[in-house]
Amino acid sequence: MKLYVGNLSFNTTENELQDIFAQHGSVTDVSLITDKMTGRSRGFAFVTMGSAEEGQAAINGLNGKDFGGRKLTINEARPREDRPQRSFGGGGGGGGRPPRR
């Protein structure tokens, strides 16, 4: 079961998440989401538990719990929605001949 973990401190590490979720079952994957430009945490992560029962135990045990000075928000991750492809078209402009000198 894949869980969304929100309201994380920007200092939280994947190892810390692994440790706290392992208290509720087997953790198969931890993915801390970071900003591509700065490499800094964006304040949320995805944790995959070994089974639905373990995932539910983690939700029941950790949702709303204080972790790193913040109250965790934990729920079952929704499937990623297909987003329409963004178009960066338009613009153009200019064109024509370069000015004479």
C-alpha atoms as a PDB file:
ATOM      1  CA  MET A   1       0.000   0.000   0.000  1.00  0.00           C
ATOM      2  CA  LYS A   2       1.417   3.381  -1.032  1.00  0.00           C
ATOM      3  CA  LEU A   3       0.945   6.234   1.442  1.00  0.00           C
ATOM      4  CA  TYR A   4       1.123   9.987   1.000  1.00  0.00           C
ATOM      5  CA  VAL A   5       2.964  11.646   3.898  1.00  0.00           C
ATOM      6  CA  GLY A   6       2.499  15.399   4.132  1.00  0.00           C
ATOM      7  CA  ASN A   7       3.376  18.345   6.357  1.00  0.00           C
ATOM      8  CA  LEU A   8       6.958  17.156   6.809  1.00  0.00           C
ATOM      9  CA  SER A   9       9.711  19.348   8.141  1.00  0.00           C
ATOM     10  CA  PHE A  10      12.108  20.372   5.364  1.00  0.00           C
ATOM     11  CA  ASN A  11      14.870  18.688   7.408  1.00  0.00           C
ATOM     12  CA  THR A  12      13.240  15.232   7.368  1.00  0.00           C
ATOM     13  CA  THR A  13      15.329  12.451   5.798  1.00  0.00           C
ATOM     14  CA  GLU A  14      14.307   9.230   4.061  1.00  0.00           C
ATOM     15  CA  ASN A  15      16.033   7.253   6.836  1.00  0.00           C
ATOM     16  CA  GLU A  16      13.915   8.958   9.500  1.00  0.00           C
ATOM     17  CA  LEU A  17      10.747   8.119   7.573  1.00  0.00           C
ATOM     18  CA  GLN A  18      11.914   4.529   7.127  1.00  0.00           C
ATOM     19  CA  ASP A  19      12.460   4.216  10.875  1.00  0.00           C
ATOM     20  CA  ILE A  20       9.137   5.699  11.997  1.00  0.00           C
ATOM     21  CA  PHE A  21       7.043   3.737   9.477  1.00  0.00           C
ATOM     22  CA  ALA A  22       8.913   0.469  10.188  1.00  0.00           C
ATOM     23  CA  GLN A  23       7.314   0.546  13.660  1.00  0.00           C
ATOM     24  CA  HIS A  24       4.017  -0.288  11.912  1.00  0.00           C
ATOM     25  CA  GLY A  25       5.150  -2.932   9.405  1.00  0.00           C
ATOM     26  CA  SER A  26       7.524  -3.611   6.563  1.00  0.00           C
ATOM     27  CA  VAL A  27       8.531  -0.607   4.468  1.00  0.00           C
ATOM     28  CA  THR A  28       9.327  -1.470   0.854  1.00  0.00           C
ATOM     29  CA  ASP A  29      10.049   2.042  -0.463  1.00  0.00           C
ATOM     30  CA  VAL A  30      10.491   5.623   0.749  1.00  0.00           C
ATOM     31  CA  SER A  31      10.513   8.512  -1.702  1.00  0.00           C
ATOM     32  CA  LEU A  32      11.097  11.978  -0.243  1.00  0.00           C
ATOM     33  CA  ILE A  33      10.069  14.560  -2.847  1.00  0.00           C
ATOM     34  CA  THR A  34      12.630  17.296  -3.422  1.00  0.00           C
ATOM     35  CA  ASP A  35      12.729  20.496  -5.445  1.00  0.00           C
ATOM     36  CA  LYS A  36      14.596  19.917  -8.720  1.00  0.00           C
ATOM     37  CA  MET A  37      16.339  23.288  -8.623  1.00  0.00           C
ATOM     38  CA  THR A  38      17.441  23.458  -4.975  1.00  0.00           C
ATOM     39  CA  GLY A  39      17.467  19.780  -3.973  1.00  0.00           C
ATOM     40  CA  ARG A  40      15.578  20.790  -0.826  1.00  0.00           C
ATOM     41  CA  SER A  41      12.638  18.775   0.499  1.00  0.00           C
ATOM     42  CA  ARG A  42       9.209  19.934  -0.673  1.00  0.00           C
ATOM     43  CA  GLY A  43       7.615  18.800   2.598  1.00  0.00           C
ATOM     44  CA  PHE A  44       6.020  15.556   1.471  1.00  0.00           C
ATOM     45  CA  ALA A  45       6.920  11.978   0.659  1.00  0.00           C
ATOM     46  CA  PHE A  46       5.517   8.637  -0.437  1.00  0.00           C
ATOM     47  CA  VAL A  47       6.035   5.533   1.672  1.00  0.00           C
ATOM     48  CA  THR A  48       5.135   2.075   0.395  1.00  0.00           C
ATOM     49  CA  MET A  49       4.189  -0.472   3.034  1.00  0.00           C
ATOM     50  CA  GLY A  50       4.339  -4.242   2.541  1.00  0.00           C
ATOM     51  CA  SER A  51       0.573  -4.796   2.774  1.00  0.00           C
ATOM     52  CA  ALA A  52      -2.729  -2.946   3.052  1.00  0.00           C
ATOM     53  CA  GLU A  53      -2.973  -3.963   6.730  1.00  0.00           C
ATOM     54  CA  GLU A  54       0.454  -2.481   7.485  1.00  0.00           C
ATOM     55  CA  GLY A  55      -0.445   0.657   5.557  1.00  0.00           C
ATOM     56  CA  GLN A  56      -3.650   1.069   7.553  1.00  0.00           C
ATOM     57  CA  ALA A  57      -1.742   0.485  10.804  1.00  0.00           C
ATOM     58  CA  ALA A  58       0.704   3.253   9.815  1.00  0.00           C
ATOM     59  CA  ILE A  59      -2.166   5.635   8.982  1.00  0.00           C
ATOM     60  CA  ASN A  60      -3.894   4.887  12.292  1.00  0.00           C
ATOM     61  CA  GLY A  61      -0.684   5.173  14.299  1.00  0.00           C
ATOM     62  CA  LEU A  62       0.975   8.172  12.653  1.00  0.00           C
ATOM     63  CA  ASN A  63      -1.677  10.462  11.140  1.00  0.00           C
ATOM     64  CA  GLY A  64      -1.735  13.660  13.223  1.00  0.00           C
ATOM     65  CA  LYS A  65       1.326  12.605  15.224  1.00  0.00           C
ATOM     66  CA  ASP A  66       3.987  15.240  15.952  1.00  0.00           C
ATOM     67  CA  PHE A  67       7.139  14.506  13.965  1.00  0.00           C
ATOM     68  CA  GLY A  68       9.935  17.057  13.671  1.00  0.00           C
ATOM     69  CA  GLY A  69       7.731  19.725  15.224  1.00  0.00           C
ATOM     70  CA  ARG A  70       4.896  19.241  12.723  1.00  0.00           C
ATOM     71  CA  LYS A  71       1.711  17.152  12.717  1.00  0.00           C
ATOM     72  CA  LEU A  72       1.911  14.498  10.015  1.00  0.00           C
ATOM     73  CA  THR A  73      -0.801  14.118   7.387  1.00  0.00           C
ATOM     74  CA  ILE A  74      -0.959  10.532   6.174  1.00  0.00           C
ATOM     75  CA  ASN A  75      -3.426   8.882   3.831  1.00  0.00           C
ATOM     76  CA  GLU A  76      -3.517   6.376   1.023  1.00  0.00           C
ATOM     77  CA  ALA A  77      -1.835   7.798  -2.057  1.00  0.00           C
ATOM     78  CA  ARG A  78      -4.120   8.396  -5.006  1.00  0.00           C
ATOM     79  CA  PRO A  79      -3.016   7.181  -8.421  1.00  0.00           C
ATOM     80  CA  ARG A  80      -1.234   9.845 -10.387  1.00  0.00           C
ATOM     81  CA  GLU A  81      -3.650  11.513 -12.763  1.00  0.00           C
ATOM     82  CA  ASP A  82      -2.716  11.917 -16.386  1.00  0.00           C
ATOM     83  CA  ARG A  83      -2.206  15.600 -16.847  1.00  0.00           C
ATOM     84  CA  PRO A  84      -2.646  17.214 -20.225  1.00  0.00           C
ATOM     85  CA  GLN A  85       0.641  17.992 -21.875  1.00  0.00           C
ATOM     86  CA  ARG A  86       1.524  21.626 -21.464  1.00  0.00           C
ATOM     87  CA  SER A  87       2.121  23.646 -24.570  1.00  0.00           C
ATOM     88  CA  PHE A  88       4.809  26.249 -24.546  1.00  0.00           C
ATOM     89  CA  GLY A  89       3.948  27.366 -28.066  1.00  0.00           C
ATOM     90  CA  GLY A  90       2.824  30.742 -29.222  1.00  0.00           C
ATOM     91  CA  GLY A  91       5.171  33.652 -29.135  1.00  0.00           C
ATOM     92  CA  GLY A  92       7.192  33.727 -32.270  1.00  0.00           C
ATOM     93  CA  GLY A  93       7.493  37.337 -33.180  1.00  0.00           C
ATOM     94  CA  GLY A  94      10.384  38.954 -34.863  1.00  0.00           C
ATOM     95  CA  GLY A  95      10.864  37.351 -38.210  1.00  0.00           C
ATOM     96  CA  GLY A  96      11.462  39.277 -41.378  1.00  0.00           C
ATOM     97  CA  ARG A  97      14.782  40.635 -42.509  1.00  0.00           C
ATOM     98  CA  PRO A  98      17.482  41.909 -40.207  1.00  0.00           C
ATOM     99  CA  PRO A  99      17.736  45.740 -40.236  1.00  0.00           C
ATOM    100  CA  ARG A 100      20.034  47.367 -42.811  1.00  0.00           C
ATOM    101  CA  ARG A 101      23.197  48.995 -41.680  1.00  0.00           C
END
